[in-house]
């Protein structure tokens, strides 16, 4: 699980940097479909990472409950 968390953490750091740039570009150029698509793709990727983080959190909670 630690390896999974490290992978997710590095992915989040990369995506957050890209998120800032694409957010600004998409908001400054709302008619540019390329910027909008890039922004949507990054939002989707961040959502996937959040989902994986939630699943790992649930696994940790289950393992903790099993130990008690």
C-alpha atoms as a PDB file:
ATOM      1  CA  UNK A   1       0.000   0.000   0.000  1.00  0.00           C
ATOM      2  CA  UNK A   2       2.845   2.373   0.726  1.00  0.00           C
ATOM      3  CA  UNK A   3       4.109   1.970  -2.825  1.00  0.00           C
ATOM      4  CA  UNK A   4       0.628   2.746  -4.169  1.00  0.00           C
ATOM      5  CA  UNK A   5       0.418   5.874  -2.024  1.00  0.00           C
ATOM      6  CA  UNK A   6       3.827   7.060  -3.203  1.00  0.00           C
ATOM      7  CA  UNK A   7       2.796   6.587  -6.821  1.00  0.00           C
ATOM      8  CA  UNK A   8      -0.447   8.483  -6.267  1.00  0.00           C
ATOM      9  CA  UNK A   9       1.383  11.264  -4.463  1.00  0.00           C
ATOM     10  CA  UNK A  10       3.835  11.791  -7.296  1.00  0.00           C
ATOM     11  CA  UNK A  11       0.972  11.695  -9.801  1.00  0.00           C
ATOM     12  CA  UNK A  12      -0.980  14.293  -7.850  1.00  0.00           C
ATOM     13  CA  UNK A  13       2.007  16.612  -7.674  1.00  0.00           C
ATOM     14  CA  UNK A  14       2.509  16.458 -11.422  1.00  0.00           C
ATOM     15  CA  UNK A  15      -1.189  16.888 -12.196  1.00  0.00           C
ATOM     16  CA  UNK A  16      -1.636  19.812  -9.818  1.00  0.00           C
ATOM     17  CA  UNK A  17       1.075  21.731 -11.639  1.00  0.00           C
ATOM     18  CA  UNK A  18      -0.614  21.022 -14.947  1.00  0.00           C
ATOM     19  CA  UNK A  19      -4.043  21.760 -13.455  1.00  0.00           C
ATOM     20  CA  UNK A  20      -3.022  25.310 -12.561  1.00  0.00           C
ATOM     21  CA  UNK A  21      -1.728  26.019 -16.045  1.00  0.00           C
ATOM     22  CA  UNK A  22      -4.643  24.485 -17.907  1.00  0.00           C
ATOM     23  CA  UNK A  23      -7.191  26.084 -15.580  1.00  0.00           C
ATOM     24  CA  UNK A  24      -5.837  29.532 -16.352  1.00  0.00           C
ATOM     25  CA  UNK A  25      -5.583  28.806 -20.076  1.00  0.00           C
ATOM     26  CA  UNK A  26      -9.128  27.388 -20.223  1.00  0.00           C
ATOM     27  CA  UNK A  27     -10.631  30.302 -18.275  1.00  0.00           C
ATOM     28  CA  UNK A  28      -8.748  32.944 -20.259  1.00  0.00           C
ATOM     29  CA  UNK A  29      -9.693  31.292 -23.572  1.00  0.00           C
ATOM     30  CA  UNK A  30     -13.147  29.745 -23.045  1.00  0.00           C
ATOM     31  CA  UNK A  31     -13.737  29.303 -26.775  1.00  0.00           C
ATOM     32  CA  UNK A  32     -10.531  27.305 -27.324  1.00  0.00           C
ATOM     33  CA  UNK A  33     -11.640  23.676 -27.339  1.00  0.00           C
ATOM     34  CA  UNK A  34      -8.069  22.372 -27.045  1.00  0.00           C
ATOM     35  CA  UNK A  35      -7.563  24.141 -23.699  1.00  0.00           C
ATOM     36  CA  UNK A  36     -10.963  22.989 -22.521  1.00  0.00           C
ATOM     37  CA  UNK A  37     -10.160  19.379 -23.465  1.00  0.00           C
ATOM     38  CA  UNK A  38      -6.800  19.496 -21.682  1.00  0.00           C
ATOM     39  CA  UNK A  39      -8.471  20.902 -18.579  1.00  0.00           C
ATOM     40  CA  UNK A  40     -11.189  18.232 -18.677  1.00  0.00           C
ATOM     41  CA  UNK A  41      -8.578  15.480 -19.076  1.00  0.00           C
ATOM     42  CA  UNK A  42      -6.644  16.684 -16.037  1.00  0.00           C
ATOM     43  CA  UNK A  43      -9.831  16.957 -13.973  1.00  0.00           C
ATOM     44  CA  UNK A  44     -10.657  13.372 -14.943  1.00  0.00           C
ATOM     45  CA  UNK A  45      -7.167  12.183 -14.008  1.00  0.00           C
ATOM     46  CA  UNK A  46      -7.358  13.930 -10.642  1.00  0.00           C
ATOM     47  CA  UNK A  47     -10.741  12.324 -10.030  1.00  0.00           C
ATOM     48  CA  UNK A  48      -9.266   8.902 -10.761  1.00  0.00           C
ATOM     49  CA  UNK A  49      -6.439   9.526  -8.308  1.00  0.00           C
ATOM     50  CA  UNK A  50      -8.909  10.660  -5.656  1.00  0.00           C
ATOM     51  CA  UNK A  51     -10.927   7.500  -6.227  1.00  0.00           C
ATOM     52  CA  UNK A  52      -7.836   5.317  -5.856  1.00  0.00           C
ATOM     53  CA  UNK A  53      -6.876   7.207  -2.691  1.00  0.00           C
ATOM     54  CA  UNK A  54     -10.333   6.590  -1.274  1.00  0.00           C
ATOM     55  CA  UNK A  55     -10.063   2.877  -2.031  1.00  0.00           C
ATOM     56  CA  UNK A  56      -6.669   2.674  -0.335  1.00  0.00           C
ATOM     57  CA  UNK A  57      -8.074   4.518   2.666  1.00  0.00           C
ATOM     58  CA  UNK A  58     -10.899   2.001   2.871  1.00  0.00           C
ATOM     59  CA  UNK A  59      -8.420  -0.880   2.635  1.00  0.00           C
ATOM     60  CA  UNK A  60      -6.371   0.599   5.483  1.00  0.00           C
ATOM     61  CA  UNK A  61      -9.502   1.026   7.593  1.00  0.00           C
ATOM     62  CA  UNK A  62     -10.546  -2.555   6.902  1.00  0.00           C
ATOM     63  CA  UNK A  63      -7.102  -3.874   7.799  1.00  0.00           C
ATOM     64  CA  UNK A  64      -7.112  -1.792  10.995  1.00  0.00           C
ATOM     65  CA  UNK A  65     -10.523  -3.136  11.947  1.00  0.00           C
ATOM     66  CA  UNK A  66      -9.348  -6.685  11.287  1.00  0.00           C
ATOM     67  CA  UNK A  67      -6.414  -6.172  13.634  1.00  0.00           C
ATOM     68  CA  UNK A  68      -8.652  -4.976  16.453  1.00  0.00           C
END
